[in-house]
Amino acid sequence: MTNILVLYYSSYGHVRTLAEAEAEGARHVPGTQVDVRRVPETVPDAIRQQAGFVEDDTPVASPADLEQYDAIIFGTPTQFGMMAGQMKTFLDQAGGLWARNALVGKVGAVFASTGSQHGGHEATLLSTQIPLQHFGMLIAGMPYSFAGQTTADEIIGGAPYGAGTIAGGDGSRAPSAIDLAGARFQGAHVARIARALAGANLVEEAA
């Protein structure tokens, strides 16, 4: 079996919805086992309630969990043009994995939710890929074989760098059918790549 982790942080539910679509797409690839997990919350409960964050009962992951997967798909909201602080804090705790080259050769991918089309959507997708490359992961985006991302008929999220959605300034816009189709496409795309690489030893001795 190819083991895939969909790991996300979500404040208002948009990223969680995309995460479920990513997992659905990956599960359609034969021989794939998918887990969906979230990173721990770092915002105090009082502030969460004041801001209207949604409750999330998805199991929480720890950095040590990442090593057991063949591919990891990371989902994050955009905060000031970058990944959410909760995701950054989680990755900052994975130094032990980095030191042991434990993630080298694994497939990594990113999806995101952003408030507006020009609110840092692509910047978040691209900058979130940076630490994954420091871990030695192989980056999978959302190629133009998913033709939905080229439509000009409606607002859509996502880019060649990864799936996504535009939530609107007040967060009222739910992921569209195209956004969800893109997430399912990316999940399956990652699963196929991970399956093709299964069993390959991509970790070389340090030079």
N, C-alpha and C. Protein backbone atom coordinates (compact mmCIF):
# COMPACT_ATOMS: atom_id res chain seq x y z
N MET A 1 0.83 -1.20 0.00
CA MET A 1 0.00 0.00 0.00
C MET A 1 0.87 1.26 0.00
N THR A 2 0.42 2.27 -0.73
CA THR A 2 1.04 3.59 -0.69
C THR A 2 0.32 4.40 0.38
N ASN A 3 1.08 4.94 1.33
CA ASN A 3 0.49 5.66 2.46
C ASN A 3 0.61 7.16 2.25
N ILE A 4 -0.52 7.84 2.30
CA ILE A 4 -0.56 9.27 2.06
C ILE A 4 -1.21 9.97 3.25
N LEU A 5 -0.63 11.10 3.63
CA LEU A 5 -1.18 11.92 4.70
C LEU A 5 -1.65 13.24 4.11
N VAL A 6 -2.89 13.61 4.39
CA VAL A 6 -3.39 14.95 4.10
C VAL A 6 -3.38 15.69 5.43
N LEU A 7 -2.49 16.66 5.54
CA LEU A 7 -2.25 17.37 6.80
C LEU A 7 -2.62 18.84 6.61
N TYR A 8 -3.46 19.37 7.48
CA TYR A 8 -3.95 20.72 7.24
C TYR A 8 -4.16 21.50 8.52
N TYR A 9 -4.31 22.80 8.35
CA TYR A 9 -4.84 23.67 9.40
C TYR A 9 -6.00 24.45 8.79
N SER A 10 -7.09 24.57 9.54
CA SER A 10 -8.27 25.27 9.04
C SER A 10 -8.91 26.06 10.17
N SER A 11 -9.19 27.34 9.91
CA SER A 11 -9.86 28.18 10.90
C SER A 11 -11.37 28.16 10.74
N TYR A 12 -11.83 28.28 9.49
CA TYR A 12 -13.25 28.44 9.22
C TYR A 12 -13.86 27.31 8.39
N GLY A 13 -13.08 26.26 8.15
CA GLY A 13 -13.62 25.08 7.50
C GLY A 13 -13.32 24.94 6.03
N HIS A 14 -12.84 26.00 5.36
CA HIS A 14 -12.58 25.91 3.93
C HIS A 14 -11.46 24.92 3.62
N VAL A 15 -10.38 25.00 4.38
CA VAL A 15 -9.25 24.11 4.13
C VAL A 15 -9.61 22.68 4.49
N ARG A 16 -10.39 22.51 5.54
CA ARG A 16 -10.83 21.17 5.91
C ARG A 16 -11.65 20.54 4.78
N THR A 17 -12.54 21.31 4.17
CA THR A 17 -13.33 20.80 3.05
C THR A 17 -12.43 20.39 1.89
N LEU A 18 -11.44 21.22 1.59
CA LEU A 18 -10.49 20.87 0.53
C LEU A 18 -9.70 19.62 0.90
N ALA A 19 -9.33 19.50 2.18
CA ALA A 19 -8.56 18.33 2.62
C ALA A 19 -9.35 17.05 2.39
N GLU A 20 -10.63 17.09 2.66
CA GLU A 20 -11.46 15.91 2.44
C GLU A 20 -11.53 15.56 0.96
N ALA A 21 -11.55 16.59 0.10
CA ALA A 21 -11.56 16.34 -1.34
C ALA A 21 -10.22 15.78 -1.81
N GLU A 22 -9.12 16.29 -1.27
CA GLU A 22 -7.79 15.76 -1.59
C GLU A 22 -7.73 14.27 -1.24
N ALA A 23 -8.22 13.94 -0.05
CA ALA A 23 -8.20 12.55 0.40
C ALA A 23 -9.07 11.68 -0.49
N GLU A 24 -10.23 12.20 -0.88
CA GLU A 24 -11.13 11.45 -1.76
C GLU A 24 -10.44 11.12 -3.08
N GLY A 25 -9.77 12.12 -3.65
CA GLY A 25 -9.07 11.88 -4.91
C GLY A 25 -7.96 10.85 -4.77
N ALA A 26 -7.19 10.94 -3.69
CA ALA A 26 -6.10 9.99 -3.48
C ALA A 26 -6.62 8.57 -3.30
N ARG A 27 -7.75 8.43 -2.61
CA ARG A 27 -8.29 7.09 -2.34
C ARG A 27 -8.79 6.40 -3.61
N HIS A 28 -9.05 7.17 -4.66
CA HIS A 28 -9.50 6.57 -5.91
C HIS A 28 -8.36 5.89 -6.68
N VAL A 29 -7.13 6.11 -6.24
CA VAL A 29 -5.99 5.44 -6.87
C VAL A 29 -5.79 4.09 -6.18
N PRO A 30 -5.86 2.99 -6.92
CA PRO A 30 -5.75 1.66 -6.29
C PRO A 30 -4.48 1.51 -5.47
N GLY A 31 -4.62 0.80 -4.36
CA GLY A 31 -3.47 0.52 -3.50
C GLY A 31 -3.03 1.68 -2.64
N THR A 32 -3.93 2.63 -2.40
CA THR A 32 -3.59 3.83 -1.63
C THR A 32 -4.34 3.86 -0.31
N GLN A 33 -3.61 4.10 0.76
CA GLN A 33 -4.18 4.30 2.09
C GLN A 33 -4.00 5.76 2.46
N VAL A 34 -5.07 6.43 2.88
CA VAL A 34 -5.01 7.87 3.14
C VAL A 34 -5.47 8.16 4.57
N ASP A 35 -4.69 8.98 5.27
CA ASP A 35 -5.08 9.51 6.57
C ASP A 35 -5.25 11.02 6.46
N VAL A 36 -6.23 11.56 7.14
CA VAL A 36 -6.44 13.00 7.21
C VAL A 36 -6.21 13.44 8.65
N ARG A 37 -5.30 14.38 8.83
CA ARG A 37 -4.95 14.87 10.17
C ARG A 37 -4.82 16.39 10.12
N ARG A 38 -4.93 17.01 11.28
CA ARG A 38 -4.73 18.46 11.36
C ARG A 38 -3.56 18.75 12.28
N VAL A 39 -2.98 19.93 12.12
CA VAL A 39 -1.91 20.35 13.02
C VAL A 39 -2.54 20.95 14.27
N PRO A 40 -1.84 20.95 15.38
CA PRO A 40 -2.42 21.48 16.62
C PRO A 40 -2.74 22.96 16.53
N GLU A 41 -3.80 23.36 17.21
CA GLU A 41 -4.17 24.77 17.30
C GLU A 41 -3.24 25.47 18.29
N THR A 42 -2.86 26.69 17.97
CA THR A 42 -2.01 27.48 18.87
C THR A 42 -2.72 28.72 19.39
N VAL A 43 -3.93 28.98 18.88
CA VAL A 43 -4.70 30.16 19.30
C VAL A 43 -5.50 29.82 20.56
N PRO A 44 -5.47 30.66 21.58
CA PRO A 44 -6.25 30.40 22.80
C PRO A 44 -7.75 30.28 22.49
N ASP A 45 -8.43 29.46 23.28
CA ASP A 45 -9.85 29.20 23.05
C ASP A 45 -10.68 30.48 23.04
N ALA A 46 -10.38 31.42 23.92
CA ALA A 46 -11.14 32.66 23.99
C ALA A 46 -11.07 33.43 22.68
N ILE A 47 -9.90 33.45 22.08
CA ILE A 47 -9.74 34.17 20.81
C ILE A 47 -10.40 33.39 19.68
N ARG A 48 -10.32 32.06 19.73
CA ARG A 48 -11.00 31.24 18.72
C ARG A 48 -12.50 31.52 18.72
N GLN A 49 -13.08 31.56 19.89
CA GLN A 49 -14.51 31.78 20.00
C GLN A 49 -14.89 33.19 19.55
N GLN A 50 -14.08 34.15 19.92
CA GLN A 50 -14.35 35.53 19.54
C GLN A 50 -14.27 35.70 18.02
N ALA A 51 -13.33 34.99 17.40
CA ALA A 51 -13.14 35.10 15.95
C ALA A 51 -14.09 34.21 15.16
N GLY A 52 -14.81 33.34 15.84
CA GLY A 52 -15.77 32.47 15.16
C GLY A 52 -15.15 31.28 14.48
N PHE A 53 -13.99 30.82 14.95
CA PHE A 53 -13.37 29.63 14.37
C PHE A 53 -14.31 28.44 14.53
N VAL A 54 -14.34 27.57 13.54
CA VAL A 54 -15.21 26.39 13.61
C VAL A 54 -14.52 25.29 14.42
N GLU A 55 -15.33 24.47 15.05
CA GLU A 55 -14.79 23.33 15.78
C GLU A 55 -14.33 22.26 14.79
N ASP A 56 -13.30 21.53 15.16
CA ASP A 56 -12.74 20.52 14.26
C ASP A 56 -12.34 19.31 15.08
N ASP A 57 -12.98 18.16 14.82
CA ASP A 57 -12.70 16.96 15.58
C ASP A 57 -11.75 16.01 14.85
N THR A 58 -11.12 16.50 13.78
CA THR A 58 -10.14 15.67 13.08
C THR A 58 -8.96 15.38 14.00
N PRO A 59 -8.45 14.14 14.02
CA PRO A 59 -7.31 13.83 14.88
C PRO A 59 -6.10 14.72 14.59
N VAL A 60 -5.35 15.01 15.63
CA VAL A 60 -4.16 15.87 15.52
C VAL A 60 -2.94 15.02 15.22
N ALA A 61 -2.08 15.53 14.33
CA ALA A 61 -0.83 14.86 13.99
C ALA A 61 0.32 15.41 14.83
N SER A 62 1.40 14.66 14.89
CA SER A 62 2.65 15.14 15.47
C SER A 62 3.73 15.08 14.39
N PRO A 63 4.77 15.90 14.48
CA PRO A 63 5.82 15.86 13.46
C PRO A 63 6.41 14.47 13.26
N ALA A 64 6.51 13.69 14.31
CA ALA A 64 7.08 12.35 14.19
C ALA A 64 6.26 11.45 13.28
N ASP A 65 4.98 11.76 13.10
CA ASP A 65 4.12 10.93 12.25
C ASP A 65 4.50 11.00 10.78
N LEU A 66 5.11 12.09 10.34
CA LEU A 66 5.33 12.32 8.92
C LEU A 66 6.20 11.25 8.27
N GLU A 67 7.11 10.68 9.03
CA GLU A 67 8.07 9.74 8.48
C GLU A 67 7.43 8.48 7.92
N GLN A 68 6.26 8.12 8.41
CA GLN A 68 5.66 6.85 8.02
C GLN A 68 4.92 6.91 6.69
N TYR A 69 4.84 8.11 6.08
CA TYR A 69 4.06 8.26 4.86
C TYR A 69 4.95 8.38 3.63
N ASP A 70 4.40 7.94 2.50
CA ASP A 70 5.10 8.06 1.22
C ASP A 70 4.89 9.42 0.59
N ALA A 71 3.79 10.08 0.93
CA ALA A 71 3.48 11.40 0.40
C ALA A 71 2.69 12.17 1.45
N ILE A 72 2.90 13.48 1.48
CA ILE A 72 2.19 14.35 2.42
C ILE A 72 1.66 15.55 1.64
N ILE A 73 0.35 15.79 1.76
CA ILE A 73 -0.30 16.92 1.11
C ILE A 73 -0.67 17.91 2.20
N PHE A 74 -0.09 19.09 2.14
CA PHE A 74 -0.25 20.10 3.19
C PHE A 74 -1.29 21.13 2.77
N GLY A 75 -2.22 21.43 3.67
CA GLY A 75 -3.24 22.44 3.40
C GLY A 75 -3.20 23.56 4.43
N THR A 76 -3.28 24.80 3.97
CA THR A 76 -3.19 25.94 4.89
C THR A 76 -4.02 27.12 4.40
N PRO A 77 -4.58 27.89 5.32
CA PRO A 77 -5.12 29.18 4.92
C PRO A 77 -3.97 30.15 4.60
N THR A 78 -4.30 31.19 3.88
CA THR A 78 -3.33 32.26 3.64
C THR A 78 -3.46 33.31 4.73
N GLN A 79 -2.36 33.61 5.38
CA GLN A 79 -2.33 34.67 6.37
C GLN A 79 -1.22 35.64 6.01
N PHE A 80 -1.63 36.81 5.53
CA PHE A 80 -0.67 37.84 5.11
C PHE A 80 0.27 37.32 4.03
N GLY A 81 -0.28 36.55 3.10
CA GLY A 81 0.50 36.07 1.96
C GLY A 81 1.39 34.89 2.25
N MET A 82 1.22 34.26 3.40
CA MET A 82 2.05 33.12 3.76
C MET A 82 1.20 32.05 4.42
N MET A 83 1.80 30.89 4.70
CA MET A 83 1.10 29.83 5.41
C MET A 83 0.69 30.31 6.80
N ALA A 84 -0.32 29.68 7.36
CA ALA A 84 -0.76 30.00 8.71
C ALA A 84 0.34 29.69 9.72
N GLY A 85 0.37 30.48 10.78
CA GLY A 85 1.39 30.28 11.81
C GLY A 85 1.33 28.91 12.44
N GLN A 86 0.12 28.33 12.53
CA GLN A 86 -0.02 27.01 13.12
C GLN A 86 0.75 25.96 12.30
N MET A 87 0.66 26.06 10.97
CA MET A 87 1.40 25.13 10.12
C MET A 87 2.91 25.37 10.22
N LYS A 88 3.31 26.63 10.26
CA LYS A 88 4.74 26.94 10.38
C LYS A 88 5.30 26.42 11.70
N THR A 89 4.54 26.58 12.79
CA THR A 89 4.98 26.07 14.08
C THR A 89 5.16 24.56 14.03
N PHE A 90 4.23 23.88 13.38
CA PHE A 90 4.32 22.43 13.25
C PHE A 90 5.59 22.04 12.48
N LEU A 91 5.84 22.69 11.36
CA LEU A 91 7.02 22.36 10.56
C LEU A 91 8.31 22.70 11.30
N ASP A 92 8.27 23.77 12.09
CA ASP A 92 9.46 24.14 12.86
C ASP A 92 9.85 23.08 13.88
N GLN A 93 8.94 22.20 14.21
CA GLN A 93 9.22 21.13 15.18
C GLN A 93 9.72 19.85 14.51
N ALA A 94 9.90 19.90 13.19
CA ALA A 94 10.32 18.71 12.45
C ALA A 94 11.81 18.70 12.16
N GLY A 95 12.58 19.45 12.93
CA GLY A 95 14.02 19.51 12.71
C GLY A 95 14.70 18.16 12.84
N GLY A 96 14.18 17.31 13.72
CA GLY A 96 14.77 15.99 13.88
C GLY A 96 14.64 15.16 12.61
N LEU A 97 13.51 15.28 11.93
CA LEU A 97 13.32 14.57 10.66
C LEU A 97 14.28 15.11 9.61
N TRP A 98 14.42 16.43 9.58
CA TRP A 98 15.37 17.05 8.64
C TRP A 98 16.80 16.55 8.89
N ALA A 99 17.18 16.48 10.15
CA ALA A 99 18.56 16.09 10.48
C ALA A 99 18.85 14.66 10.06
N ARG A 100 17.84 13.81 10.04
CA ARG A 100 18.03 12.41 9.66
C ARG A 100 17.67 12.14 8.20
N ASN A 101 17.35 13.20 7.44
CA ASN A 101 16.92 13.04 6.04
C ASN A 101 15.72 12.09 5.94
N ALA A 102 14.86 12.15 6.94
CA ALA A 102 13.77 11.18 7.02
C ALA A 102 12.68 11.40 5.97
N LEU A 103 12.60 12.60 5.40
CA LEU A 103 11.56 12.89 4.42
C LEU A 103 12.11 12.99 3.00
N VAL A 104 13.40 12.73 2.83
CA VAL A 104 14.00 12.81 1.49
C VAL A 104 13.35 11.81 0.54
N GLY A 105 12.95 12.29 -0.62
CA GLY A 105 12.37 11.42 -1.64
C GLY A 105 10.88 11.20 -1.51
N LYS A 106 10.27 11.70 -0.43
CA LYS A 106 8.82 11.59 -0.30
C LYS A 106 8.15 12.69 -1.14
N VAL A 107 6.93 12.45 -1.56
CA VAL A 107 6.21 13.42 -2.37
C VAL A 107 5.54 14.44 -1.46
N GLY A 108 5.66 15.71 -1.80
CA GLY A 108 5.01 16.78 -1.05
C GLY A 108 4.16 17.63 -1.97
N ALA A 109 3.03 18.10 -1.49
CA ALA A 109 2.14 18.97 -2.26
C ALA A 109 1.44 19.93 -1.31
N VAL A 110 0.91 21.02 -1.87
CA VAL A 110 0.31 22.08 -1.07
C VAL A 110 -1.02 22.51 -1.68
N PHE A 111 -2.01 22.80 -0.83
CA PHE A 111 -3.23 23.46 -1.27
C PHE A 111 -3.56 24.55 -0.26
N ALA A 112 -4.37 25.53 -0.68
CA ALA A 112 -4.58 26.69 0.19
C ALA A 112 -5.94 27.33 -0.03
N SER A 113 -6.39 28.05 0.99
CA SER A 113 -7.57 28.90 0.91
C SER A 113 -7.14 30.33 1.18
N THR A 114 -7.70 31.26 0.40
CA THR A 114 -7.32 32.66 0.51
C THR A 114 -8.58 33.52 0.45
N GLY A 115 -8.54 34.67 1.12
CA GLY A 115 -9.70 35.52 1.16
C GLY A 115 -10.06 36.16 -0.17
N SER A 116 -9.06 36.50 -0.98
CA SER A 116 -9.33 37.15 -2.26
C SER A 116 -8.37 36.62 -3.31
N GLN A 117 -8.71 36.85 -4.57
CA GLN A 117 -7.88 36.34 -5.67
C GLN A 117 -6.46 36.89 -5.61
N HIS A 118 -6.32 38.09 -5.11
CA HIS A 118 -5.00 38.73 -5.09
C HIS A 118 -4.51 38.94 -3.66
N GLY A 119 -4.94 38.05 -2.78
CA GLY A 119 -4.58 38.16 -1.37
C GLY A 119 -3.42 37.29 -0.96
N GLY A 120 -2.60 36.87 -1.94
CA GLY A 120 -1.43 36.07 -1.63
C GLY A 120 -1.61 34.59 -1.89
N HIS A 121 -2.60 34.24 -2.71
CA HIS A 121 -2.91 32.82 -2.95
C HIS A 121 -1.69 32.07 -3.50
N GLU A 122 -1.15 32.53 -4.61
CA GLU A 122 -0.01 31.83 -5.21
C GLU A 122 1.24 31.97 -4.35
N ALA A 123 1.39 33.11 -3.68
CA ALA A 123 2.54 33.28 -2.79
C ALA A 123 2.52 32.25 -1.67
N THR A 124 1.33 31.97 -1.14
CA THR A 124 1.23 30.97 -0.08
C THR A 124 1.57 29.58 -0.60
N LEU A 125 1.02 29.21 -1.77
CA LEU A 125 1.33 27.90 -2.34
C LEU A 125 2.83 27.73 -2.56
N LEU A 126 3.45 28.75 -3.13
CA LEU A 126 4.88 28.64 -3.45
C LEU A 126 5.75 28.67 -2.20
N SER A 127 5.46 29.59 -1.28
CA SER A 127 6.33 29.70 -0.10
C SER A 127 6.18 28.50 0.82
N THR A 128 5.02 27.87 0.83
CA THR A 128 4.86 26.67 1.66
C THR A 128 5.66 25.51 1.10
N GLN A 129 5.95 25.54 -0.19
CA GLN A 129 6.78 24.49 -0.79
C GLN A 129 8.24 24.60 -0.37
N ILE A 130 8.66 25.78 0.08
CA ILE A 130 10.09 25.98 0.40
C ILE A 130 10.57 25.05 1.50
N PRO A 131 9.93 25.00 2.68
CA PRO A 131 10.42 24.06 3.70
C PRO A 131 10.34 22.61 3.26
N LEU A 132 9.38 22.28 2.39
CA LEU A 132 9.29 20.90 1.92
C LEU A 132 10.53 20.54 1.11
N GLN A 133 11.04 21.49 0.36
CA GLN A 133 12.26 21.22 -0.41
C GLN A 133 13.48 21.14 0.50
N HIS A 134 13.47 21.87 1.61
CA HIS A 134 14.55 21.72 2.59
C HIS A 134 14.53 20.32 3.20
N PHE A 135 13.34 19.74 3.33
CA PHE A 135 13.24 18.37 3.81
C PHE A 135 13.66 17.35 2.75
N GLY A 136 13.84 17.80 1.50
CA GLY A 136 14.21 16.87 0.43
C GLY A 136 13.03 16.21 -0.25
N MET A 137 11.84 16.78 -0.07
CA MET A 137 10.65 16.19 -0.69
C MET A 137 10.57 16.57 -2.17
N LEU A 138 9.87 15.75 -2.93
CA LEU A 138 9.65 15.98 -4.35
C LEU A 138 8.29 16.67 -4.50
N ILE A 139 8.26 17.84 -5.10
CA ILE A 139 7.07 18.67 -5.12
C ILE A 139 6.16 18.33 -6.29
N ALA A 140 4.89 18.10 -5.97
CA ALA A 140 3.87 17.88 -6.99
C ALA A 140 2.87 19.03 -6.93
N GLY A 141 2.60 19.64 -8.06
CA GLY A 141 1.64 20.74 -8.10
C GLY A 141 0.30 20.26 -8.62
N MET A 142 -0.35 21.12 -9.40
CA MET A 142 -1.62 20.77 -10.03
C MET A 142 -1.50 21.12 -11.51
N PRO A 143 -1.01 20.20 -12.34
CA PRO A 143 -0.71 20.52 -13.73
C PRO A 143 -1.94 20.93 -14.52
N TYR A 144 -1.69 21.51 -15.69
CA TYR A 144 -2.78 22.01 -16.52
C TYR A 144 -3.59 20.89 -17.15
N SER A 145 -3.23 19.65 -16.89
CA SER A 145 -4.13 18.57 -17.29
C SER A 145 -5.43 18.62 -16.49
N PHE A 146 -5.42 19.38 -15.37
CA PHE A 146 -6.69 19.76 -14.74
C PHE A 146 -7.12 21.06 -15.39
N ALA A 147 -7.95 20.95 -16.41
CA ALA A 147 -8.31 22.10 -17.23
C ALA A 147 -9.20 23.09 -16.50
N GLY A 148 -9.83 22.68 -15.41
CA GLY A 148 -10.72 23.57 -14.69
C GLY A 148 -10.06 24.85 -14.22
N GLN A 149 -8.75 24.81 -13.99
CA GLN A 149 -8.08 26.00 -13.47
C GLN A 149 -7.92 27.10 -14.53
N THR A 150 -8.23 26.81 -15.78
CA THR A 150 -8.07 27.82 -16.83
C THR A 150 -9.36 28.58 -17.13
N THR A 151 -10.46 28.22 -16.49
CA THR A 151 -11.73 28.87 -16.81
C THR A 151 -11.74 30.33 -16.34
N ALA A 152 -12.41 31.16 -17.10
CA ALA A 152 -12.60 32.56 -16.71
C ALA A 152 -14.07 32.85 -16.45
N ASP A 153 -14.87 31.82 -16.34
CA ASP A 153 -16.31 31.99 -16.17
C ASP A 153 -16.71 32.28 -14.73
N GLU A 154 -15.82 32.02 -13.79
CA GLU A 154 -16.13 32.25 -12.39
C GLU A 154 -14.85 32.38 -11.60
N ILE A 155 -14.96 32.81 -10.36
CA ILE A 155 -13.80 32.88 -9.47
C ILE A 155 -13.40 31.46 -9.08
N ILE A 156 -12.14 31.15 -9.26
CA ILE A 156 -11.66 29.84 -8.86
C ILE A 156 -10.36 29.98 -8.08
N GLY A 157 -10.10 29.02 -7.21
CA GLY A 157 -8.84 28.97 -6.51
C GLY A 157 -7.90 28.00 -7.21
N GLY A 158 -6.73 27.83 -6.63
CA GLY A 158 -5.78 26.90 -7.22
C GLY A 158 -4.93 27.55 -8.29
N ALA A 159 -3.88 26.83 -8.66
CA ALA A 159 -2.89 27.29 -9.63
C ALA A 159 -2.05 26.08 -9.99
N PRO A 160 -1.13 26.21 -10.94
CA PRO A 160 -0.25 25.08 -11.23
C PRO A 160 0.55 24.63 -10.01
N TYR A 161 0.60 25.48 -8.97
CA TYR A 161 1.39 25.17 -7.78
C TYR A 161 0.60 24.37 -6.75
N GLY A 162 -0.72 24.27 -6.95
CA GLY A 162 -1.53 23.51 -6.02
C GLY A 162 -2.99 23.91 -6.07
N ALA A 163 -3.84 23.06 -5.53
CA ALA A 163 -5.28 23.33 -5.51
C ALA A 163 -5.60 24.41 -4.48
N GLY A 164 -6.83 24.93 -4.56
CA GLY A 164 -7.20 25.95 -3.59
C GLY A 164 -8.58 26.49 -3.81
N THR A 165 -8.95 27.43 -2.95
CA THR A 165 -10.24 28.10 -3.05
C THR A 165 -10.10 29.54 -2.61
N ILE A 166 -11.04 30.37 -3.06
CA ILE A 166 -11.11 31.77 -2.63
C ILE A 166 -12.33 31.90 -1.72
N ALA A 167 -12.09 32.22 -0.47
CA ALA A 167 -13.15 32.19 0.54
C ALA A 167 -13.97 33.47 0.60
N GLY A 168 -13.49 34.55 0.00
CA GLY A 168 -14.16 35.83 0.14
C GLY A 168 -13.69 36.56 1.38
N GLY A 169 -13.81 37.87 1.35
CA GLY A 169 -13.29 38.67 2.46
C GLY A 169 -13.93 38.34 3.79
N ASP A 170 -15.20 37.92 3.77
CA ASP A 170 -15.88 37.56 5.02
C ASP A 170 -15.96 36.06 5.24
N GLY A 171 -15.30 35.30 4.36
CA GLY A 171 -15.27 33.85 4.52
C GLY A 171 -16.55 33.14 4.13
N SER A 172 -17.47 33.85 3.48
CA SER A 172 -18.78 33.27 3.21
C SER A 172 -18.83 32.39 1.97
N ARG A 173 -17.81 32.46 1.13
CA ARG A 173 -17.83 31.68 -0.11
C ARG A 173 -17.27 30.28 0.15
N ALA A 174 -18.06 29.27 -0.09
CA ALA A 174 -17.62 27.88 0.07
C ALA A 174 -16.84 27.46 -1.16
N PRO A 175 -15.97 26.45 -1.03
CA PRO A 175 -15.26 25.95 -2.21
C PRO A 175 -16.24 25.54 -3.31
N SER A 176 -15.96 25.97 -4.52
CA SER A 176 -16.84 25.68 -5.65
C SER A 176 -16.64 24.26 -6.15
N ALA A 177 -17.50 23.86 -7.06
CA ALA A 177 -17.36 22.52 -7.66
C ALA A 177 -16.01 22.38 -8.35
N ILE A 178 -15.56 23.45 -9.01
CA ILE A 178 -14.25 23.40 -9.68
C ILE A 178 -13.13 23.31 -8.66
N ASP A 179 -13.23 24.08 -7.58
CA ASP A 179 -12.20 24.03 -6.53
C ASP A 179 -12.08 22.61 -5.97
N LEU A 180 -13.21 21.99 -5.69
CA LEU A 180 -13.20 20.64 -5.12
C LEU A 180 -12.70 19.62 -6.14
N ALA A 181 -13.06 19.81 -7.41
CA ALA A 181 -12.56 18.91 -8.44
C ALA A 181 -11.04 19.03 -8.56
N GLY A 182 -10.52 20.26 -8.41
CA GLY A 182 -9.07 20.45 -8.45
C GLY A 182 -8.39 19.76 -7.29
N ALA A 183 -8.98 19.84 -6.10
CA ALA A 183 -8.40 19.15 -4.95
C ALA A 183 -8.41 17.64 -5.14
N ARG A 184 -9.52 17.11 -5.66
CA ARG A 184 -9.56 15.66 -5.92
C ARG A 184 -8.53 15.28 -6.97
N PHE A 185 -8.38 16.11 -7.99
CA PHE A 185 -7.39 15.86 -9.04
C PHE A 185 -5.99 15.83 -8.44
N GLN A 186 -5.67 16.83 -7.60
CA GLN A 186 -4.33 16.88 -7.02
C GLN A 186 -4.08 15.68 -6.11
N GLY A 187 -5.08 15.30 -5.32
CA GLY A 187 -4.91 14.14 -4.46
C GLY A 187 -4.58 12.89 -5.24
N ALA A 188 -5.30 12.68 -6.36
CA ALA A 188 -5.03 11.51 -7.20
C ALA A 188 -3.68 11.63 -7.88
N HIS A 189 -3.32 12.83 -8.29
CA HIS A 189 -2.03 13.08 -8.95
C HIS A 189 -0.88 12.71 -8.01
N VAL A 190 -0.98 13.16 -6.77
CA VAL A 190 0.05 12.84 -5.77
C VAL A 190 0.10 11.34 -5.52
N ALA A 191 -1.06 10.71 -5.42
CA ALA A 191 -1.10 9.27 -5.14
C ALA A 191 -0.44 8.47 -6.26
N ARG A 192 -0.68 8.87 -7.50
CA ARG A 192 -0.07 8.15 -8.63
C ARG A 192 1.45 8.31 -8.63
N ILE A 193 1.91 9.52 -8.34
CA ILE A 193 3.36 9.73 -8.28
C ILE A 193 3.97 8.91 -7.15
N ALA A 194 3.33 8.94 -5.98
CA ALA A 194 3.85 8.18 -4.84
C ALA A 194 3.86 6.69 -5.14
N ARG A 195 2.84 6.20 -5.81
CA ARG A 195 2.79 4.79 -6.16
C ARG A 195 3.91 4.43 -7.12
N ALA A 196 4.18 5.32 -8.08
CA ALA A 196 5.25 5.06 -9.05
C ALA A 196 6.62 5.03 -8.38
N LEU A 197 6.77 5.81 -7.31
CA LEU A 197 8.06 5.88 -6.62
C LEU A 197 8.20 4.84 -5.51
N ALA A 198 7.12 4.15 -5.20
CA ALA A 198 7.13 3.20 -4.08
C ALA A 198 8.26 2.19 -4.24
N GLY A 199 9.00 2.03 -3.17
CA GLY A 199 10.09 1.06 -3.17
C GLY A 199 11.40 1.60 -3.66
N ALA A 200 11.38 2.79 -4.27
CA ALA A 200 12.64 3.38 -4.75
C ALA A 200 13.42 3.97 -3.58
N ASN A 201 14.70 3.74 -3.55
CA ASN A 201 15.56 4.29 -2.51
C ASN A 201 16.17 5.58 -3.04
N LEU A 202 15.60 6.71 -2.64
CA LEU A 202 16.05 8.00 -3.14
C LEU A 202 16.96 8.73 -2.16
N VAL A 203 17.30 8.07 -1.08
CA VAL A 203 18.17 8.67 -0.08
C VAL A 203 19.61 8.24 -0.35
N GLU A 204 20.45 9.18 -0.69
CA GLU A 204 21.86 8.88 -0.96
C GLU A 204 22.70 9.19 0.28
N GLU A 205 23.85 8.60 0.32
CA GLU A 205 24.76 8.91 1.41
C GLU A 205 25.16 10.37 1.34
N ALA A 206 25.31 10.99 2.51
CA ALA A 206 25.71 12.38 2.52
C ALA A 206 27.08 12.55 1.87
N ALA A 207 27.20 13.55 1.03
CA ALA A 207 28.47 13.78 0.32
C ALA A 207 29.28 14.83 1.05
